[in-house]
Amino acid sequence: MATELTTRPVLDLQPSQSRNLTVAGNRPVDPSAMQVSYTVSLAGIRPIMRNEVSSAQAIDFKTTAYHMNRPVAPNETEDSTKMLEYLD
């Protein structure tokens, strides 16, 4: 058995002077930093999932272990109440 070595093309990661930064329509690409704040603010107003609970239903999260087939984590634990007592 002989091992055959083949050459692989190497990616040229160096900037080329002949390449221009353009997109479709020969519009120049702006090399300035992208402002992410506009895209992040849009993410907050998109719905993550459809709400299937009507507003008329009152849910007692202390007695209900599951809500919409998902476990409900308690907001208060014994440790947190002890910690809050120290702060008072």
C-alpha atoms as a PDB file:
ATOM      1  CA  MET A   1       0.000   0.000   0.000  1.00  0.00           C
ATOM      2  CA  ALA A   2       1.367   3.320  -1.031  1.00  0.00           C
ATOM      3  CA  THR A   3       0.115   6.604   0.304  1.00  0.00           C
ATOM      4  CA  GLU A   4      -0.649   9.162  -2.354  1.00  0.00           C
ATOM      5  CA  LEU A   5      -0.161  12.800  -1.515  1.00  0.00           C
ATOM      6  CA  THR A   6      -2.192  15.291  -3.455  1.00  0.00           C
ATOM      7  CA  THR A   7      -1.769  19.021  -3.373  1.00  0.00           C
ATOM      8  CA  ARG A   8      -4.642  21.113  -2.178  1.00  0.00           C
ATOM      9  CA  PRO A   9      -5.322  24.666  -3.271  1.00  0.00           C
ATOM     10  CA  VAL A  10      -4.286  27.215  -0.678  1.00  0.00           C
ATOM     11  CA  LEU A  11      -6.639  30.027   0.166  1.00  0.00           C
ATOM     12  CA  ASP A  12      -5.087  33.420  -0.448  1.00  0.00           C
ATOM     13  CA  LEU A  13      -5.970  35.439   2.644  1.00  0.00           C
ATOM     14  CA  GLN A  14      -3.826  38.413   1.737  1.00  0.00           C
ATOM     15  CA  PRO A  15      -5.667  41.487   0.437  1.00  0.00           C
ATOM     16  CA  SER A  16      -5.369  41.875  -3.276  1.00  0.00           C
ATOM     17  CA  GLN A  17      -4.963  45.237  -4.964  1.00  0.00           C
ATOM     18  CA  SER A  18      -6.928  44.045  -7.989  1.00  0.00           C
ATOM     19  CA  ARG A  19     -10.018  43.155  -5.954  1.00  0.00           C
ATOM     20  CA  ASN A  20     -12.442  46.013  -5.401  1.00  0.00           C
ATOM     21  CA  LEU A  21     -14.955  45.993  -2.585  1.00  0.00           C
ATOM     22  CA  THR A  22     -18.160  46.250  -4.576  1.00  0.00           C
ATOM     23  CA  VAL A  23     -21.551  44.612  -4.551  1.00  0.00           C
ATOM     24  CA  ALA A  24     -24.220  44.192  -7.206  1.00  0.00           C
ATOM     25  CA  GLY A  25     -24.787  47.343  -9.194  1.00  0.00           C
ATOM     26  CA  ASN A  26     -21.205  48.564  -8.631  1.00  0.00           C
ATOM     27  CA  ARG A  27     -22.157  50.197  -5.352  1.00  0.00           C
ATOM     28  CA  PRO A  28     -19.096  50.729  -3.140  1.00  0.00           C
ATOM     29  CA  VAL A  29     -19.019  48.916   0.183  1.00  0.00           C
ATOM     30  CA  ASP A  30     -18.754  51.200   3.171  1.00  0.00           C
ATOM     31  CA  PRO A  31     -15.724  50.062   5.218  1.00  0.00           C
ATOM     32  CA  SER A  32     -16.960  51.775   8.392  1.00  0.00           C
ATOM     33  CA  ALA A  33     -18.126  49.835  11.441  1.00  0.00           C
ATOM     34  CA  MET A  34     -21.592  48.340  11.300  1.00  0.00           C
ATOM     35  CA  GLN A  35     -24.146  49.674  13.768  1.00  0.00           C
ATOM     36  CA  VAL A  36     -25.621  46.645  15.474  1.00  0.00           C
ATOM     37  CA  SER A  37     -27.987  48.552  17.744  1.00  0.00           C
ATOM     38  CA  TYR A  38     -30.628  48.806  15.016  1.00  0.00           C
ATOM     39  CA  THR A  39     -30.746  45.049  14.468  1.00  0.00           C
ATOM     40  CA  VAL A  40     -30.705  44.291  18.192  1.00  0.00           C
ATOM     41  CA  SER A  41     -33.674  46.539  18.884  1.00  0.00           C
ATOM     42  CA  LEU A  42     -35.676  44.745  16.197  1.00  0.00           C
ATOM     43  CA  ALA A  43     -35.122  41.408  17.931  1.00  0.00           C
ATOM     44  CA  GLY A  44     -36.967  42.619  21.011  1.00  0.00           C
ATOM     45  CA  ILE A  45     -40.261  43.291  19.252  1.00  0.00           C
ATOM     46  CA  ARG A  46     -40.531  40.049  17.291  1.00  0.00           C
ATOM     47  CA  PRO A  47     -42.747  37.399  18.898  1.00  0.00           C
ATOM     48  CA  ILE A  48     -40.866  34.305  20.019  1.00  0.00           C
ATOM     49  CA  MET A  49     -43.901  32.046  20.089  1.00  0.00           C
ATOM     50  CA  ARG A  50     -47.634  32.299  19.810  1.00  0.00           C
ATOM     51  CA  ASN A  51     -49.473  32.896  23.065  1.00  0.00           C
ATOM     52  CA  GLU A  52     -52.130  30.220  23.434  1.00  0.00           C
ATOM     53  CA  VAL A  53     -53.326  31.326  26.872  1.00  0.00           C
ATOM     54  CA  SER A  54     -56.285  33.654  26.941  1.00  0.00           C
ATOM     55  CA  SER A  55     -56.039  36.695  29.167  1.00  0.00           C
ATOM     56  CA  ALA A  56     -59.129  35.547  31.082  1.00  0.00           C
ATOM     57  CA  GLN A  57     -57.261  32.562  32.537  1.00  0.00           C
ATOM     58  CA  ALA A  58     -55.563  33.326  35.813  1.00  0.00           C
ATOM     59  CA  ILE A  59     -52.551  31.102  36.406  1.00  0.00           C
ATOM     60  CA  ASP A  60     -51.325  30.437  39.926  1.00  0.00           C
ATOM     61  CA  PHE A  61     -47.654  29.667  39.336  1.00  0.00           C
ATOM     62  CA  LYS A  62     -47.115  28.593  42.958  1.00  0.00           C
ATOM     63  CA  THR A  63     -49.534  25.661  42.645  1.00  0.00           C
ATOM     64  CA  THR A  64     -49.051  24.859  38.962  1.00  0.00           C
ATOM     65  CA  ALA A  65     -45.934  22.815  38.274  1.00  0.00           C
ATOM     66  CA  TYR A  66     -46.293  23.039  34.498  1.00  0.00           C
ATOM     67  CA  HIS A  67     -47.482  25.814  32.230  1.00  0.00           C
ATOM     68  CA  MET A  68     -47.989  25.096  28.515  1.00  0.00           C
ATOM     69  CA  ASN A  69     -46.181  21.749  29.014  1.00  0.00           C
ATOM     70  CA  ARG A  70     -43.089  23.476  30.408  1.00  0.00           C
ATOM     71  CA  PRO A  71     -41.888  23.316  34.018  1.00  0.00           C
ATOM     72  CA  VAL A  72     -42.281  26.514  35.984  1.00  0.00           C
ATOM     73  CA  ALA A  73     -39.283  27.594  38.048  1.00  0.00           C
ATOM     74  CA  PRO A  74     -40.163  29.282  41.341  1.00  0.00           C
ATOM     75  CA  ASN A  75     -39.143  32.893  41.750  1.00  0.00           C
ATOM     76  CA  GLU A  76     -38.568  32.536  45.480  1.00  0.00           C
ATOM     77  CA  THR A  77     -36.589  29.833  47.212  1.00  0.00           C
ATOM     78  CA  GLU A  78     -35.742  29.280  50.862  1.00  0.00           C
ATOM     79  CA  ASP A  79     -32.233  30.547  50.265  1.00  0.00           C
ATOM     80  CA  SER A  80     -33.428  33.724  48.583  1.00  0.00           C
ATOM     81  CA  THR A  81     -35.782  34.574  51.447  1.00  0.00           C
ATOM     82  CA  LYS A  82     -32.948  34.083  53.961  1.00  0.00           C
ATOM     83  CA  MET A  83     -30.713  36.329  51.879  1.00  0.00           C
ATOM     84  CA  LEU A  84     -33.398  39.012  51.728  1.00  0.00           C
ATOM     85  CA  GLU A  85     -33.835  38.843  55.509  1.00  0.00           C
ATOM     86  CA  TYR A  86     -30.164  39.696  55.903  1.00  0.00           C
ATOM     87  CA  LEU A  87     -30.584  42.707  53.638  1.00  0.00           C
ATOM     88  CA  ASP A  88     -33.469  44.057  55.718  1.00  0.00           C
END
